[in-house]
PDB file of N, CA and C in Angstrom:
ATOM      1  N   MET A   1      -0.511  -2.510  17.348  1.00  0.00           N
ATOM      2  CA  MET A   1      -0.191  -2.792  16.112  1.00  0.00           C
ATOM      3  C   MET A   1       0.263  -0.864  15.246  1.00  0.00           C
ATOM      4  N   ALA A   2       1.093  -1.815  14.037  1.00  0.00           N
ATOM      5  CA  ALA A   2       1.852  -0.273  13.573  1.00  0.00           C
ATOM      6  C   ALA A   2       0.993  -0.365  12.292  1.00  0.00           C
ATOM      7  N   THR A   3       1.866   1.012  11.843  1.00  0.00           N
ATOM      8  CA  THR A   3       1.762   1.548  10.723  1.00  0.00           C
ATOM      9  C   THR A   3       2.525   1.637   9.489  1.00  0.00           C
ATOM     10  N   HIS A   4       2.403   0.229   8.161  1.00  0.00           N
ATOM     11  CA  HIS A   4       3.284   0.867   7.590  1.00  0.00           C
ATOM     12  C   HIS A   4       3.428   1.243   6.069  1.00  0.00           C
ATOM     13  N   VAL A   5       4.162   2.071   6.056  1.00  0.00           N
ATOM     14  CA  VAL A   5       4.820   3.167   5.271  1.00  0.00           C
ATOM     15  C   VAL A   5       4.831   2.789   3.906  1.00  0.00           C
ATOM     16  N   PHE A   6       4.396   2.402   2.177  1.00  0.00           N
ATOM     17  CA  PHE A   6       4.221   1.956   1.597  1.00  0.00           C
ATOM     18  C   PHE A   6       4.695   3.272   0.204  1.00  0.00           C
ATOM     19  N   PHE A   7       6.225   3.461  -0.777  1.00  0.00           N
ATOM     20  CA  PHE A   7       5.796   4.858  -1.800  1.00  0.00           C
ATOM     21  C   PHE A   7       5.209   3.442  -3.155  1.00  0.00           C
ATOM     22  N   VAL A   8       3.890   3.895  -3.245  1.00  0.00           N
ATOM     23  CA  VAL A   8       3.910   2.978  -4.458  1.00  0.00           C
ATOM     24  C   VAL A   8       3.682   3.656  -6.055  1.00  0.00           C
ATOM     25  N   ASP A   9       4.141   4.003  -7.018  1.00  0.00           N
ATOM     26  CA  ASP A   9       4.154   4.805  -7.885  1.00  0.00           C
ATOM     27  C   ASP A   9       2.995   5.068  -8.929  1.00  0.00           C
ATOM     28  N   MET A  10       1.603   5.531  -8.522  1.00  0.00           N
ATOM     29  CA  MET A  10       0.556   5.567  -9.015  1.00  0.00           C
ATOM     30  C   MET A  10       0.523   7.354  -9.181  1.00  0.00           C
ATOM     31  N   THR A  11       0.169   6.943 -10.421  1.00  0.00           N
ATOM     32  CA  THR A  11      -0.695   8.347 -10.796  1.00  0.00           C
ATOM     33  C   THR A  11      -1.106   8.751 -11.178  1.00  0.00           C
ATOM     34  N   CYS A  12      -3.109   7.844 -11.276  1.00  0.00           N
ATOM     35  CA  CYS A  12      -3.864   8.333 -11.391  1.00  0.00           C
ATOM     36  C   CYS A  12      -4.768   7.291 -10.420  1.00  0.00           C
ATOM     37  N   GLU A  13      -6.405   7.946 -10.423  1.00  0.00           N
ATOM     38  CA  GLU A  13      -6.812   7.152  -9.835  1.00  0.00           C
ATOM     39  C   GLU A  13      -7.453   5.607 -10.232  1.00  0.00           C
ATOM     40  N   GLY A  14      -6.742   5.519 -11.624  1.00  0.00           N
ATOM     41  CA  GLY A  14      -6.888   4.479 -11.539  1.00  0.00           C
ATOM     42  C   GLY A  14      -5.940   2.981 -11.329  1.00  0.00           C
ATOM     43  N   CYS A  15      -4.715   3.889 -10.670  1.00  0.00           N
ATOM     44  CA  CYS A  15      -3.530   2.724 -10.285  1.00  0.00           C
ATOM     45  C   CYS A  15      -3.983   3.142  -8.877  1.00  0.00           C
ATOM     46  N   SER A  16      -4.754   3.618  -8.082  1.00  0.00           N
ATOM     47  CA  SER A  16      -4.603   3.992  -6.743  1.00  0.00           C
ATOM     48  C   SER A  16      -5.843   3.552  -6.401  1.00  0.00           C
ATOM     49  N   GLY A  17      -6.947   2.870  -7.183  1.00  0.00           N
ATOM     50  CA  GLY A  17      -7.921   2.004  -7.030  1.00  0.00           C
ATOM     51  C   GLY A  17      -7.968   0.633  -7.046  1.00  0.00           C
ATOM     52  N   ALA A  18      -6.538   0.418  -8.608  1.00  0.00           N
ATOM     53  CA  ALA A  18      -5.698  -1.027  -8.240  1.00  0.00           C
ATOM     54  C   ALA A  18      -5.172  -1.300  -7.016  1.00  0.00           C
ATOM     55  N   VAL A  19      -3.712  -0.831  -5.716  1.00  0.00           N
ATOM     56  CA  VAL A  19      -3.452  -0.050  -5.034  1.00  0.00           C
ATOM     57  C   VAL A  19      -5.396  -0.917  -3.969  1.00  0.00           C
ATOM     58  N   ALA A  20      -6.065   0.150  -3.622  1.00  0.00           N
ATOM     59  CA  ALA A  20      -6.990  -0.070  -3.037  1.00  0.00           C
ATOM     60  C   ALA A  20      -7.888  -1.930  -3.173  1.00  0.00           C
ATOM     61  N   ARG A  21      -8.213  -2.097  -4.313  1.00  0.00           N
ATOM     62  CA  ARG A  21      -8.810  -3.543  -4.559  1.00  0.00           C
ATOM     63  C   ARG A  21      -7.409  -4.407  -3.852  1.00  0.00           C
ATOM     64  N   VAL A  22      -6.336  -4.796  -3.729  1.00  0.00           N
ATOM     65  CA  VAL A  22      -5.633  -5.183  -3.037  1.00  0.00           C
ATOM     66  C   VAL A  22      -5.672  -5.845  -1.944  1.00  0.00           C
ATOM     67  N   LEU A  23      -5.536  -4.078  -1.867  1.00  0.00           N
ATOM     68  CA  LEU A  23      -5.332  -4.049   0.030  1.00  0.00           C
ATOM     69  C   LEU A  23      -6.248  -5.154   0.768  1.00  0.00           C
ATOM     70  N   LYS A  24      -7.780  -4.526   0.295  1.00  0.00           N
ATOM     71  CA  LYS A  24      -9.247  -4.954   0.693  1.00  0.00           C
ATOM     72  C   LYS A  24      -9.553  -6.817   0.979  1.00  0.00           C
ATOM     73  N   LYS A  25      -8.897  -7.160  -0.062  1.00  0.00           N
ATOM     74  CA  LYS A  25      -8.380  -8.142  -0.117  1.00  0.00           C
ATOM     75  C   LYS A  25      -8.193  -8.999   1.348  1.00  0.00           C
ATOM     76  N   LEU A  26      -7.109  -8.145   1.082  1.00  0.00           N
ATOM     77  CA  LEU A  26      -6.293  -8.614   2.836  1.00  0.00           C
ATOM     78  C   LEU A  26      -7.199  -7.898   4.291  1.00  0.00           C
ATOM     79  N   ASP A  27      -8.551  -7.295   4.134  1.00  0.00           N
ATOM     80  CA  ASP A  27      -9.085  -7.255   5.455  1.00  0.00           C
ATOM     81  C   ASP A  27      -8.587  -6.364   6.116  1.00  0.00           C
ATOM     82  N   VAL A  28      -8.062  -5.275   5.683  1.00  0.00           N
ATOM     83  CA  VAL A  28      -6.479  -3.663   6.566  1.00  0.00           C
ATOM     84  C   VAL A  28      -7.330  -2.859   6.414  1.00  0.00           C
ATOM     85  N   LYS A  29      -6.407  -2.286   7.625  1.00  0.00           N
ATOM     86  CA  LYS A  29      -7.076  -0.627   6.881  1.00  0.00           C
ATOM     87  C   LYS A  29      -6.145  -0.378   6.897  1.00  0.00           C
ATOM     88  N   PHE A  30      -5.968   0.797   5.382  1.00  0.00           N
ATOM     89  CA  PHE A  30      -5.585   1.769   4.982  1.00  0.00           C
ATOM     90  C   PHE A  30      -5.893   2.781   4.514  1.00  0.00           C
ATOM     91  N   ASP A  31      -4.785   3.830   4.091  1.00  0.00           N
ATOM     92  CA  ASP A  31      -5.063   5.381   3.633  1.00  0.00           C
ATOM     93  C   ASP A  31      -3.781   4.791   3.051  1.00  0.00           C
ATOM     94  N   ILE A  32      -5.085   5.836   1.263  1.00  0.00           N
ATOM     95  CA  ILE A  32      -3.654   5.832  -0.186  1.00  0.00           C
ATOM     96  C   ILE A  32      -3.555   7.602   0.232  1.00  0.00           C
ATOM     97  N   ASP A  33      -2.590   8.179  -0.008  1.00  0.00           N
ATOM     98  CA  ASP A  33      -2.388   9.445  -0.853  1.00  0.00           C
ATOM     99  C   ASP A  33      -1.783   9.060  -2.123  1.00  0.00           C
ATOM    100  N   LEU A  34      -2.492  10.098  -2.736  1.00  0.00           N
ATOM    101  CA  LEU A  34      -1.934  10.169  -4.159  1.00  0.00           C
ATOM    102  C   LEU A  34      -1.153  10.022  -4.498  1.00  0.00           C
ATOM    103  N   PRO A  35      -1.024  12.187  -4.381  1.00  0.00           N
ATOM    104  CA  PRO A  35      -0.450  13.091  -4.665  1.00  0.00           C
ATOM    105  C   PRO A  35       1.128  12.678  -4.396  1.00  0.00           C
ATOM    106  N   ASN A  36       0.665  11.993  -2.902  1.00  0.00           N
ATOM    107  CA  ASN A  36       2.422  12.586  -2.238  1.00  0.00           C
ATOM    108  C   ASN A  36       2.830  10.395  -2.547  1.00  0.00           C
ATOM    109  N   LYS A  37       2.421   9.770  -3.161  1.00  0.00           N
ATOM    110  CA  LYS A  37       2.515   8.726  -4.077  1.00  0.00           C
ATOM    111  C   LYS A  37       2.154   6.972  -2.684  1.00  0.00           C
ATOM    112  N   LYS A  38       2.476   8.085  -1.483  1.00  0.00           N
ATOM    113  CA  LYS A  38       2.610   6.702   0.303  1.00  0.00           C
ATOM    114  C   LYS A  38       1.007   6.349  -0.105  1.00  0.00           C
ATOM    115  N   VAL A  39       0.711   4.264   0.392  1.00  0.00           N
ATOM    116  CA  VAL A  39      -0.049   4.215   1.009  1.00  0.00           C
ATOM    117  C   VAL A  39       0.297   3.622   2.070  1.00  0.00           C
ATOM    118  N   LEU A  40      -0.353   3.296   3.757  1.00  0.00           N
ATOM    119  CA  LEU A  40      -0.208   3.544   5.002  1.00  0.00           C
ATOM    120  C   LEU A  40      -1.384   2.538   5.799  1.00  0.00           C
ATOM    121  N   ILE A  41      -1.010   1.208   5.773  1.00  0.00           N
ATOM    122  CA  ILE A  41      -0.898  -0.062   6.177  1.00  0.00           C
ATOM    123  C   ILE A  41      -1.457   0.008   8.339  1.00  0.00           C
ATOM    124  N   GLU A  42      -3.129  -0.144   8.416  1.00  0.00           N
ATOM    125  CA  GLU A  42      -2.917  -0.256  10.275  1.00  0.00           C
ATOM    126  C   GLU A  42      -2.636  -1.632  10.009  1.00  0.00           C
ATOM    127  N   SER A  43      -1.543  -2.452  10.102  1.00  0.00           N
ATOM    128  CA  SER A  43      -1.310  -3.752  11.226  1.00  0.00           C
ATOM    129  C   SER A  43      -0.780  -4.823  11.932  1.00  0.00           C
ATOM    130  N   ASP A  44      -1.328  -5.399  12.120  1.00  0.00           N
ATOM    131  CA  ASP A  44      -0.036  -6.547  12.798  1.00  0.00           C
ATOM    132  C   ASP A  44       1.110  -7.173  11.485  1.00  0.00           C
ATOM    133  N   LYS A  45      -0.235  -7.333  11.082  1.00  0.00           N
ATOM    134  CA  LYS A  45       0.910  -8.865   9.816  1.00  0.00           C
ATOM    135  C   LYS A  45       2.565  -7.993   9.779  1.00  0.00           C
ATOM    136  N   ASP A  46       2.935  -8.857   9.089  1.00  0.00           N
ATOM    137  CA  ASP A  46       4.188  -8.416   8.290  1.00  0.00           C
ATOM    138  C   ASP A  46       4.566  -7.731   7.215  1.00  0.00           C
ATOM    139  N   LYS A  47       5.609  -6.467   6.392  1.00  0.00           N
ATOM    140  CA  LYS A  47       5.614  -5.351   6.161  1.00  0.00           C
ATOM    141  C   LYS A  47       5.420  -6.938   4.801  1.00  0.00           C
ATOM    142  N   ASP A  48       6.075  -8.112   4.272  1.00  0.00           N
ATOM    143  CA  ASP A  48       6.284  -8.818   3.510  1.00  0.00           C
ATOM    144  C   ASP A  48       5.180  -9.172   2.930  1.00  0.00           C
ATOM    145  N   VAL A  49       4.127  -9.673   3.518  1.00  0.00           N
ATOM    146  CA  VAL A  49       2.760  -9.337   2.794  1.00  0.00           C
ATOM    147  C   VAL A  49       2.101  -8.833   2.497  1.00  0.00           C
ATOM    148  N   PHE A  50       1.611  -7.669   2.440  1.00  0.00           N
ATOM    149  CA  PHE A  50       2.141  -6.225   1.868  1.00  0.00           C
ATOM    150  C   PHE A  50       2.963  -5.630   0.168  1.00  0.00           C
ATOM    151  N   LEU A  51       3.639  -6.233   0.512  1.00  0.00           N
ATOM    152  CA  LEU A  51       4.739  -6.237  -0.228  1.00  0.00           C
ATOM    153  C   LEU A  51       4.147  -6.667  -1.861  1.00  0.00           C
ATOM    154  N   GLU A  52       4.433  -7.949  -1.374  1.00  0.00           N
ATOM    155  CA  GLU A  52       4.109  -8.885  -2.029  1.00  0.00           C
ATOM    156  C   GLU A  52       1.936  -8.617  -2.860  1.00  0.00           C
ATOM    157  N   ALA A  53       1.261  -8.507  -1.900  1.00  0.00           N
ATOM    158  CA  ALA A  53       0.266  -7.720  -2.471  1.00  0.00           C
ATOM    159  C   ALA A  53      -0.072  -6.713  -3.579  1.00  0.00           C
ATOM    160  N   LEU A  54       1.017  -5.320  -2.772  1.00  0.00           N
ATOM    161  CA  LEU A  54       1.134  -3.774  -4.019  1.00  0.00           C
ATOM    162  C   LEU A  54       1.497  -4.502  -5.339  1.00  0.00           C
ATOM    163  N   LYS A  55       2.907  -5.000  -4.860  1.00  0.00           N
ATOM    164  CA  LYS A  55       3.735  -5.349  -6.890  1.00  0.00           C
ATOM    165  C   LYS A  55       1.916  -6.913  -7.204  1.00  0.00           C
ATOM    166  N   LYS A  56       1.187  -6.917  -6.771  1.00  0.00           N
ATOM    167  CA  LYS A  56       0.037  -7.567  -7.437  1.00  0.00           C
ATOM    168  C   LYS A  56      -0.592  -6.460  -8.800  1.00  0.00           C
ATOM    169  N   THR A  57       0.009  -5.399  -8.011  1.00  0.00           N
ATOM    170  CA  THR A  57      -0.779  -3.652  -9.668  1.00  0.00           C
ATOM    171  C   THR A  57       0.128  -3.541 -10.310  1.00  0.00           C
ATOM    172  N   GLY A  58       1.681  -4.287 -10.811  1.00  0.00           N
ATOM    173  CA  GLY A  58       2.455  -3.987 -11.491  1.00  0.00           C
ATOM    174  C   GLY A  58       2.865  -2.791 -11.930  1.00  0.00           C
ATOM    175  N   LYS A  59       3.033  -1.693  -9.875  1.00  0.00           N
ATOM    176  CA  LYS A  59       3.318  -0.216  -9.516  1.00  0.00           C
ATOM    177  C   LYS A  59       4.776  -0.391  -8.712  1.00  0.00           C
ATOM    178  N   THR A  60       6.171   0.067  -8.438  1.00  0.00           N
ATOM    179  CA  THR A  60       6.990   0.638  -7.939  1.00  0.00           C
ATOM    180  C   THR A  60       6.295   0.052  -6.716  1.00  0.00           C
ATOM    181  N   VAL A  61       6.939  -0.628  -6.157  1.00  0.00           N
ATOM    182  CA  VAL A  61       6.719  -0.353  -4.959  1.00  0.00           C
ATOM    183  C   VAL A  61       7.522  -0.369  -3.798  1.00  0.00           C
ATOM    184  N   THR A  62       8.516   0.767  -2.878  1.00  0.00           N
ATOM    185  CA  THR A  62       9.431   0.338  -2.276  1.00  0.00           C
ATOM    186  C   THR A  62       8.779   0.573  -0.741  1.00  0.00           C
ATOM    187  N   TYR A  63       8.740   0.148   0.442  1.00  0.00           N
ATOM    188  CA  TYR A  63       8.678  -0.092   1.445  1.00  0.00           C
ATOM    189  C   TYR A  63       9.484   1.374   2.129  1.00  0.00           C
ATOM    190  N   ILE A  64       9.070   1.935   2.528  1.00  0.00           N
ATOM    191  CA  ILE A  64       9.472   3.022   3.685  1.00  0.00           C
ATOM    192  C   ILE A  64      10.071   3.641   5.268  1.00  0.00           C
ATOM    193  N   ASN A  65       8.762   2.615   6.744  1.00  0.00           N
ATOM    194  CA  ASN A  65       9.062   3.081   7.157  1.00  0.00           C
ATOM    195  C   ASN A  65       7.836   1.947   7.558  1.00  0.00           C
ATOM    196  N   SER A  66       7.563   1.695   9.025  1.00  0.00           N
ATOM    197  CA  SER A  66       6.702   1.061   9.584  1.00  0.00           C
ATOM    198  C   SER A  66       7.412   2.805  11.560  1.00  0.00           C
ATOM    199  N   LYS A  67       5.758   3.311  11.371  1.00  0.00           N
ATOM    200  CA  LYS A  67       5.603   3.324  12.859  1.00  0.00           C
ATOM    201  C   LYS A  67       5.182   2.909  14.124  1.00  0.00           C
TER     202      LYS A  67
END
């Protein structure tokens, strides 16, 4: 299973809450690192699925890498 790392321009708990809501709909394991503005998602799904979902939050999203 891959861990996808994204940069999401989150500035507060409200921002991270919005990210959590869209990811919960995808039923994946994830971790939000608010201070570093990173979201780590564990899944075998394609990164583009998550990129599109994260963009729905209205935040700037950048794919960093897969571990």
